[in-house]
Protein backbone atom coordinates (compact mmCIF):
# COMPACT_ATOMS: atom_id res chain seq x y z
CA UNK A 1 103.87 59.92 131.54
CA UNK A 2 102.08 61.96 128.81
CA UNK A 3 101.20 65.68 129.14
CA UNK A 4 98.70 67.51 127.01
CA UNK A 5 99.80 69.75 124.10
CA UNK A 6 98.51 72.62 126.19
CA UNK A 7 101.63 72.36 128.37
CA UNK A 8 103.68 73.18 125.39
CA UNK A 9 101.54 76.12 124.32
CA UNK A 10 101.71 77.86 127.77
CA UNK A 11 105.38 77.59 128.34
CA UNK A 12 106.38 81.15 129.06
CA UNK A 13 109.86 80.28 127.79
CA UNK A 14 108.38 79.82 124.27
CA UNK A 15 110.52 82.06 122.10
CA UNK A 16 108.68 85.00 120.61
CA UNK A 17 111.75 86.73 119.30
CA UNK A 18 113.02 84.33 116.63
CA UNK A 19 116.22 83.55 118.57
CA UNK A 20 117.23 81.66 121.67
CA UNK A 21 114.33 80.91 124.07
CA UNK A 22 114.47 83.31 127.07
CA UNK A 23 112.63 83.20 130.30
CA UNK A 24 112.19 86.92 131.12
CA UNK A 25 111.77 86.22 134.84
CA UNK A 26 114.99 84.25 135.28
CA UNK A 27 117.03 87.31 136.18
CA UNK A 28 114.40 88.51 138.64
CA UNK A 29 114.22 85.06 140.36
CA UNK A 30 118.01 84.92 140.54
CA UNK A 31 118.10 88.44 142.07
CA UNK A 32 115.55 87.39 144.70
CA UNK A 33 117.43 84.20 145.53
CA UNK A 34 120.68 86.13 146.04
CA UNK A 35 118.96 88.80 148.16
CA UNK A 36 117.47 86.05 150.34
CA UNK A 37 120.97 84.71 150.77
CA UNK A 38 122.05 88.05 152.19
CA UNK A 39 123.39 89.94 149.24
CA UNK A 40 122.52 93.63 148.91
CA UNK A 41 120.60 93.41 145.64
CA UNK A 42 118.45 96.30 144.43
CA UNK A 43 115.33 94.88 142.73
CA UNK A 44 114.11 96.95 139.80
CA UNK A 45 112.80 93.96 137.81
CA UNK A 46 109.20 93.80 139.02
CA UNK A 47 106.19 96.21 138.65
CA UNK A 48 105.57 96.42 142.32
CA UNK A 49 106.36 99.02 144.94
CA UNK A 50 108.55 96.87 147.06
CA UNK A 51 108.72 99.37 149.96
CA UNK A 52 105.11 100.30 150.00
CA UNK A 53 102.16 98.53 151.64
CA UNK A 54 98.49 98.23 150.86
CA UNK A 55 96.72 101.16 152.62
CA UNK A 56 95.99 100.29 156.22
CA UNK A 57 92.29 101.07 155.92
CA UNK A 58 91.91 98.49 153.10
CA UNK A 59 93.75 95.87 155.13
CA UNK A 60 91.55 96.62 158.14
CA UNK A 61 88.47 96.16 155.98
CA UNK A 62 89.71 92.61 155.03
CA UNK A 63 90.43 91.76 158.66
CA UNK A 64 87.07 93.04 159.89
CA UNK A 65 85.31 91.03 157.10
CA UNK A 66 87.19 87.95 158.14
CA UNK A 67 86.18 88.35 161.73
CA UNK A 68 82.57 88.95 160.73
CA UNK A 69 82.45 85.58 159.05
CA UNK A 70 83.00 86.59 155.49
CA UNK A 71 85.02 83.57 154.57
CA UNK A 72 82.43 81.22 152.94
CA UNK A 73 81.52 80.67 149.33
CA UNK A 74 80.48 83.78 147.43
CA UNK A 75 78.80 84.68 144.15
CA UNK A 76 81.09 83.17 141.46
CA UNK A 77 80.69 86.27 139.32
CA UNK A 78 81.65 88.56 142.29
CA UNK A 79 79.52 90.14 144.96
CA UNK A 80 76.97 92.53 143.63
CA UNK A 81 78.37 95.28 145.76
CA UNK A 82 81.81 94.89 144.32
CA UNK A 83 80.61 94.56 140.72
CA UNK A 84 78.56 97.73 141.08
CA UNK A 85 81.63 99.46 142.59
CA UNK A 86 83.74 98.26 139.62
CA UNK A 87 81.15 99.44 137.08
CA UNK A 88 81.08 102.96 138.64
CA UNK A 89 84.98 103.01 138.82
CA UNK A 90 85.01 101.96 135.16
CA UNK A 91 82.70 104.76 134.22
CA UNK A 92 84.93 107.29 136.06
CA UNK A 93 88.00 106.04 134.19
CA UNK A 94 86.63 105.61 130.77
CA UNK A 95 83.31 107.44 130.44
CA UNK A 96 81.58 104.24 129.41
CA UNK A 97 78.37 103.37 131.39
CA UNK A 98 78.10 99.64 132.14
CA UNK A 99 76.01 97.62 134.51
CA UNK A 100 77.09 95.25 137.33
CA UNK A 101 75.91 92.32 135.11
CA UNK A 102 78.68 93.10 132.65
CA UNK A 103 81.42 92.73 135.33
CA UNK A 104 83.04 89.40 136.09
CA UNK A 105 85.54 89.15 138.95
CA UNK A 106 88.68 87.05 138.68
CA UNK A 107 91.79 86.15 140.65
CA UNK A 108 93.73 88.99 139.05
CA UNK A 109 93.78 90.51 135.57
CA UNK A 110 96.02 87.63 134.34
CA UNK A 111 93.24 85.18 135.25
CA UNK A 112 90.76 87.37 133.38
CA UNK A 113 92.84 87.46 130.32
CA UNK A 114 93.38 83.72 130.29
CA UNK A 115 89.65 83.17 130.75
CA UNK A 116 88.81 85.48 127.92
CA UNK A 117 91.17 83.56 125.62
CA UNK A 118 89.39 80.38 126.55
CA UNK A 119 85.94 81.57 125.67
CA UNK A 120 86.81 83.68 122.62
CA UNK A 121 89.36 81.63 120.64
CA UNK A 122 89.58 78.23 118.91
CA UNK A 123 92.45 76.57 117.02
CA UNK A 124 91.10 77.81 113.64
CA UNK A 125 91.26 81.47 114.82
CA UNK A 126 93.78 84.20 114.82
CA UNK A 127 94.58 86.73 117.56
CA UNK A 128 96.56 89.88 116.96
CA UNK A 129 98.94 91.16 119.60
CA UNK A 130 100.86 94.43 119.49
CA UNK A 131 104.47 93.84 120.37
CA UNK A 132 106.29 94.39 122.63
CA UNK A 133 103.58 93.10 124.88
CA UNK A 134 103.42 91.78 128.48
CA UNK A 135 105.37 88.63 128.62
CA UNK A 136 102.49 86.25 129.34
CA UNK A 137 100.31 87.37 126.37
CA UNK A 138 101.81 84.96 123.94
CA UNK A 139 101.09 81.93 126.12
CA UNK A 140 97.78 83.28 127.51
CA UNK A 141 96.27 83.91 124.05
CA UNK A 142 97.91 80.98 122.37
CA UNK A 143 96.68 78.47 124.96
CA UNK A 144 93.44 77.64 123.09
CA UNK A 145 95.47 76.97 119.92
CA UNK A 146 94.84 79.89 117.69
CA UNK A 147 97.52 81.43 115.40
CA UNK A 148 99.16 84.32 117.27
CA UNK A 149 99.95 87.20 114.94
CA UNK A 150 102.21 89.96 116.17
CA UNK A 151 102.33 93.59 114.95
CA UNK A 152 105.67 95.06 115.98
CA UNK A 153 106.39 98.57 117.11
CA UNK A 154 110.10 99.34 117.07
CA UNK A 155 112.77 101.99 117.50
CA UNK A 156 112.65 102.89 113.81
CA UNK A 157 109.12 104.24 114.36
CA UNK A 158 109.91 105.60 117.78
CA UNK A 159 107.94 102.72 119.33
CA UNK A 160 104.64 104.00 118.00
CA UNK A 161 102.07 101.78 116.35
CA UNK A 162 101.58 102.09 112.60
CA UNK A 163 97.89 101.32 112.54
CA UNK A 164 98.11 100.37 108.85
CA UNK A 165 100.41 97.47 109.92
CA UNK A 166 97.79 96.28 112.31
CA UNK A 167 94.97 96.68 109.75
CA UNK A 168 96.93 94.73 107.18
CA UNK A 169 97.33 91.84 109.64
CA UNK A 170 93.59 91.27 109.84
CA UNK A 171 92.33 88.24 108.00
CA UNK A 172 88.88 86.53 107.72
CA UNK A 173 90.18 84.32 110.68
CA UNK A 174 91.00 87.18 113.05
CA UNK A 175 88.77 86.83 116.08
CA UNK A 176 90.49 88.96 118.66
CA UNK A 177 92.84 92.07 118.78
CA UNK A 178 94.51 92.74 122.11
CA UNK A 179 95.77 96.20 123.03
CA UNK A 180 97.35 97.34 126.29
CA UNK A 181 97.30 100.97 127.31
CA UNK A 182 99.40 102.27 128.96
CA UNK A 183 101.57 99.53 127.45
CA UNK A 184 103.76 97.26 129.46
CA UNK A 185 106.74 97.49 129.03
CA UNK A 186 106.87 100.70 126.89
CA UNK A 187 104.31 102.85 128.72
CA UNK A 188 103.03 104.06 125.32
CA UNK A 189 99.46 104.99 124.65
CA UNK A 190 97.27 105.07 121.58
CA UNK A 191 96.22 108.29 119.80
CA UNK A 192 92.56 108.92 119.07
CA UNK A 193 93.17 108.40 115.36
CA UNK A 194 94.81 105.03 116.00
CA UNK A 195 91.92 103.95 118.23
CA UNK A 196 89.32 105.07 115.66
CA UNK A 197 91.04 102.98 112.99
CA UNK A 198 91.25 99.92 115.23
CA UNK A 199 87.68 100.23 116.44
CA UNK A 200 86.30 100.79 112.93
CA UNK A 201 88.17 97.66 111.70
CA UNK A 202 86.74 95.61 114.60
CA UNK A 203 83.21 96.84 113.93
CA UNK A 204 83.53 96.18 110.27
CA UNK A 205 84.94 92.67 110.65
CA UNK A 206 83.21 91.50 113.87
CA UNK A 207 86.40 91.22 115.80
CA UNK A 208 86.59 91.38 119.66
CA UNK A 209 88.78 94.09 121.02
CA UNK A 210 90.40 93.19 124.34
CA UNK A 211 91.93 96.21 126.21
CA UNK A 212 94.20 95.64 129.20
CA UNK A 213 94.00 98.70 131.43
CA UNK A 214 95.86 97.52 134.55
CA UNK A 215 98.17 100.63 134.42
CA UNK A 216 95.46 103.15 133.48
CA UNK A 217 94.82 104.73 136.87
CA UNK A 218 98.49 105.49 137.49
CA UNK A 219 98.75 107.95 134.54
CA UNK A 220 97.14 111.35 134.28
CA UNK A 221 93.61 110.91 132.84
CA UNK A 222 94.05 113.78 130.36
CA UNK A 223 97.09 112.10 128.85
CA UNK A 224 95.43 109.13 127.36
CA UNK A 225 92.72 108.52 124.79
CA UNK A 226 90.34 105.53 125.23
CA UNK A 227 88.00 103.87 122.79
CA UNK A 228 85.12 103.20 125.28
CA UNK A 229 82.69 105.78 123.94
CA UNK A 230 83.27 105.23 120.16
CA UNK A 231 80.13 104.42 118.16
CA UNK A 232 79.49 100.65 117.89
CA UNK A 233 82.19 99.65 120.34
CA UNK A 234 79.81 98.48 123.08
CA UNK A 235 79.09 95.17 121.45
CA UNK A 236 82.74 94.13 120.98
CA UNK A 237 84.99 95.97 123.51
CA UNK A 238 86.24 93.97 126.50
CA UNK A 239 88.10 95.80 129.31
CA UNK A 240 90.34 94.08 131.82
CA UNK A 241 91.24 95.87 135.03
CA UNK A 242 92.78 95.34 138.42
CA UNK A 243 93.69 97.16 141.70
CA UNK A 244 97.21 95.73 141.78
CA UNK A 245 99.14 98.75 140.60
CA UNK A 246 96.63 101.64 141.38
CA UNK A 247 95.90 100.63 144.98
CA UNK A 248 99.11 98.78 145.88
CA UNK A 249 97.32 95.40 146.01
CA UNK A 250 99.44 93.11 143.80
CA UNK A 251 99.30 90.11 146.26
CA UNK A 252 95.50 90.32 146.70
CA UNK A 253 94.92 88.84 143.25
CA UNK A 254 91.78 90.73 142.40
CA UNK A 255 90.92 91.69 138.83
CA UNK A 256 87.96 91.83 136.54
CA UNK A 257 86.61 91.89 132.98
CA UNK A 258 83.84 94.18 131.64
CA UNK A 259 82.23 92.66 128.62
CA UNK A 260 78.98 92.61 126.69
CA UNK A 261 76.44 90.62 128.76
CA UNK A 262 76.26 87.49 126.54
CA UNK A 263 80.00 87.05 127.09
CA UNK A 264 79.60 87.41 130.85
CA UNK A 265 77.49 84.34 130.89
CA UNK A 266 80.22 82.28 129.26
CA UNK A 267 82.83 83.59 131.66
CA UNK A 268 80.52 82.66 134.59
CA UNK A 269 80.31 79.06 133.27
CA UNK A 270 84.11 78.92 133.01
CA UNK A 271 84.69 80.49 136.47
CA UNK A 272 82.42 77.77 138.06
CA UNK A 273 84.91 75.24 136.68
CA UNK A 274 87.99 77.20 137.41
CA UNK A 275 87.99 79.00 140.75
CA UNK A 276 84.34 79.08 141.99
CA UNK A 277 84.60 82.61 143.28
CA UNK A 278 86.90 84.83 145.18
CA UNK A 279 87.14 84.96 148.99
CA UNK A 280 84.40 87.35 150.27
CA UNK A 281 86.84 89.24 152.48
CA UNK A 282 89.02 90.00 149.55
CA UNK A 283 86.04 91.36 147.60
CA UNK A 284 84.96 93.44 150.58
CA UNK A 285 88.33 95.02 150.77
CA UNK A 286 88.39 95.65 146.98
CA UNK A 287 84.98 97.38 147.17
CA UNK A 288 86.22 99.54 150.06
CA UNK A 289 89.35 100.39 148.08
CA UNK A 290 87.38 101.57 145.08
CA UNK A 291 84.87 103.56 147.09
CA UNK A 292 86.96 104.93 149.95
CA UNK A 293 90.62 104.97 148.79
CA UNK A 294 90.38 106.99 145.61
CA UNK A 295 93.40 109.13 146.70
CA UNK A 296 95.67 106.02 146.45
CA UNK A 297 96.06 106.07 142.67
CA UNK A 298 96.86 109.80 142.89
CA UNK A 299 99.51 109.07 145.51
CA UNK A 300 101.04 106.31 143.39
CA UNK A 301 101.03 108.61 140.31
CA UNK A 302 102.75 111.37 142.20
CA UNK A 303 105.39 108.98 143.74
CA UNK A 304 106.07 107.53 140.30
CA UNK A 305 106.64 111.00 138.72
CA UNK A 306 109.05 112.01 141.54
CA UNK A 307 111.04 108.77 141.22
CA UNK A 308 111.02 109.15 137.47
CA UNK A 309 112.68 112.53 137.69
CA UNK A 310 115.16 111.17 140.18
CA UNK A 311 116.02 108.26 137.95
CA UNK A 312 116.53 110.33 134.89
CA UNK A 313 118.81 112.70 136.76
CA UNK A 314 121.17 109.83 137.29
CA UNK A 315 120.95 108.41 133.73
CA UNK A 316 122.20 111.44 131.86
CA UNK A 317 125.19 109.77 130.24
CA UNK A 318 124.27 106.38 128.95
CA UNK A 319 125.39 106.69 125.21
CA UNK A 320 125.48 104.80 122.96
CA UNK A 321 122.54 103.07 124.79
CA UNK A 322 119.24 104.95 124.44
CA UNK A 323 116.88 105.96 127.16
CA UNK A 324 113.16 105.49 126.51
CA UNK A 325 111.02 107.61 128.89
CA UNK A 326 107.18 107.30 128.39
CA UNK A 327 106.77 110.34 130.72
CA UNK A 328 104.39 108.60 133.02
CA UNK A 329 103.76 105.20 134.66
CA UNK A 330 105.93 102.79 136.52
CA UNK A 331 108.82 102.19 134.21
CA UNK A 332 111.59 103.62 132.05
CA UNK A 333 113.57 101.55 129.55
CA UNK A 334 116.96 101.39 128.09
CA UNK A 335 117.59 100.32 124.47
CA UNK A 336 120.87 98.34 124.71
CA UNK A 337 121.32 97.30 121.08
CA UNK A 338 124.09 99.93 120.60
CA UNK A 339 126.06 98.11 123.27
CA UNK A 340 126.03 94.89 121.02
CA UNK A 341 124.25 92.84 123.53
CA UNK A 342 120.80 91.53 124.12
CA UNK A 343 118.63 92.77 127.06
CA UNK A 344 119.13 89.41 128.71
CA UNK A 345 122.85 89.69 128.39
CA UNK A 346 122.75 93.24 129.76
CA UNK A 347 120.52 92.25 132.73
CA UNK A 348 122.64 89.30 133.70
CA UNK A 349 125.91 91.33 133.46
CA UNK A 350 124.34 94.13 135.44
CA UNK A 351 123.23 91.80 138.19
CA UNK A 352 126.65 90.17 138.40
CA UNK A 353 128.65 93.48 138.22
CA UNK A 354 126.47 95.96 140.07
CA UNK A 355 123.99 93.94 142.17
CA UNK A 356 121.03 95.58 140.38
CA UNK A 357 118.28 93.61 138.69
CA UNK A 358 116.22 94.96 135.72
CA UNK A 359 113.81 93.03 133.60
CA UNK A 360 115.05 92.03 130.09
CA UNK A 361 112.24 92.33 127.54
CA UNK A 362 113.55 89.52 125.29
CA UNK A 363 110.44 87.54 126.26
CA UNK A 364 108.00 90.44 125.47
CA UNK A 365 107.74 89.54 121.84
CA UNK A 366 109.30 91.14 118.75
CA UNK A 367 110.82 94.50 119.42
CA UNK A 368 111.74 93.57 123.00
CA UNK A 369 114.97 91.84 122.49
CA UNK A 370 117.11 94.94 123.27
CA UNK A 371 114.92 96.61 125.83
CA UNK A 372 115.78 96.55 129.56
CA UNK A 373 112.87 97.60 131.71
CA UNK A 374 113.60 99.56 134.93
CA UNK A 375 110.85 99.58 137.58
CA UNK A 376 110.57 102.86 139.51
CA UNK A 377 109.52 100.79 142.53
CA UNK A 378 112.08 101.40 145.28
CA UNK A 379 112.72 104.28 147.64
CA UNK A 380 114.50 107.40 146.15
CA UNK A 381 117.84 106.69 147.75
CA UNK A 382 117.97 103.10 146.53
CA UNK A 383 116.78 104.15 143.05
CA UNK A 384 119.41 106.87 142.76
CA UNK A 385 122.19 104.49 143.73
CA UNK A 386 120.86 101.81 141.39
CA UNK A 387 120.68 104.16 138.47
CA UNK A 388 124.26 105.40 139.03
CA UNK A 389 125.26 101.67 139.01
CA UNK A 390 123.39 101.20 135.70
CA UNK A 391 125.15 104.14 134.14
CA UNK A 392 128.59 102.92 135.45
CA UNK A 393 127.86 99.45 134.02
CA UNK A 394 127.09 101.05 130.59
CA UNK A 395 130.35 103.01 130.76
CA UNK A 396 132.16 99.69 131.26
CA UNK A 397 130.51 98.27 128.10
CA UNK A 398 131.53 101.06 125.88
CA UNK A 399 135.13 100.83 126.99
């Protein structure tokens, strides 16, 4: 039977590196399968605090809402209370004042990004991604059929964006630029000068700027510059957010977009066709999390910093491989190119030899082929042991 060409465009295995097609989640799935069969596998290949739970008060709010009958259809855009809470939360994080009417709620940030691609892009357009990027970006923004243009940051430039490279990638067909700060996988942020150049180009050329801020609330606010208050940005800036990382709610599938109002109407029309609204009890819990669990992001931030220091203390001798530490966030990375192996080869070998899974960034676009991402997402003892195992494996590779 025939399938649409969309199925080809959204294959996450589609190669963005110019080499052999790689499914970045293959190692993670294999690690989970082996753990389920009883092997003692340490999972560092997912951006989720495996040993932590959603705060009890948030769970209780969802249960109370269920018992109160909050399990029928709801506003497709998201309940007014939740959208107002998100608007206030957004203002606290970014300094940008927005109204509830600019907020559209989705089943996770991934759903928001996919929806935005559908309403912003056609097959005659171009979209610019800064690589390495989160592994689904290529398929998500390529799904409507535009040309996907990548601007690579790499080791030669210390994984920092050369804004001139991005500006030179703009053509008269460029419709969208996507940035992610803090970046996944690198954890990098943009300087104010970089953001000024990007925003100015978007304003001058009528280009939408989509900013994925899923990891924003788990880094120190003073450590990151944001474009939300730049002149002229309000008509073209789109912000995507979520409670998954900041409030330990990965499985709740609750995210949102904040857009100029005319765009919210198009997102509403698409949502009617796609999911017809989130469960009310999920939205009640999300509103509660934003309004009454503001300490949770601070807790996550503190825990990540403690684990980061611990991990670094056990990765002191990994030459010739190179450690990449963004200083904050949920990940550290290892550049394994000096070991003469790809990140995928490194991850498979590490899993087989040491029973530790890391995420190979081969599928994160150009620049990711030699990066192995380590999630700081298990307890301190397990993380220490795993990092010792990683260092031991590197020693084996260098002979």
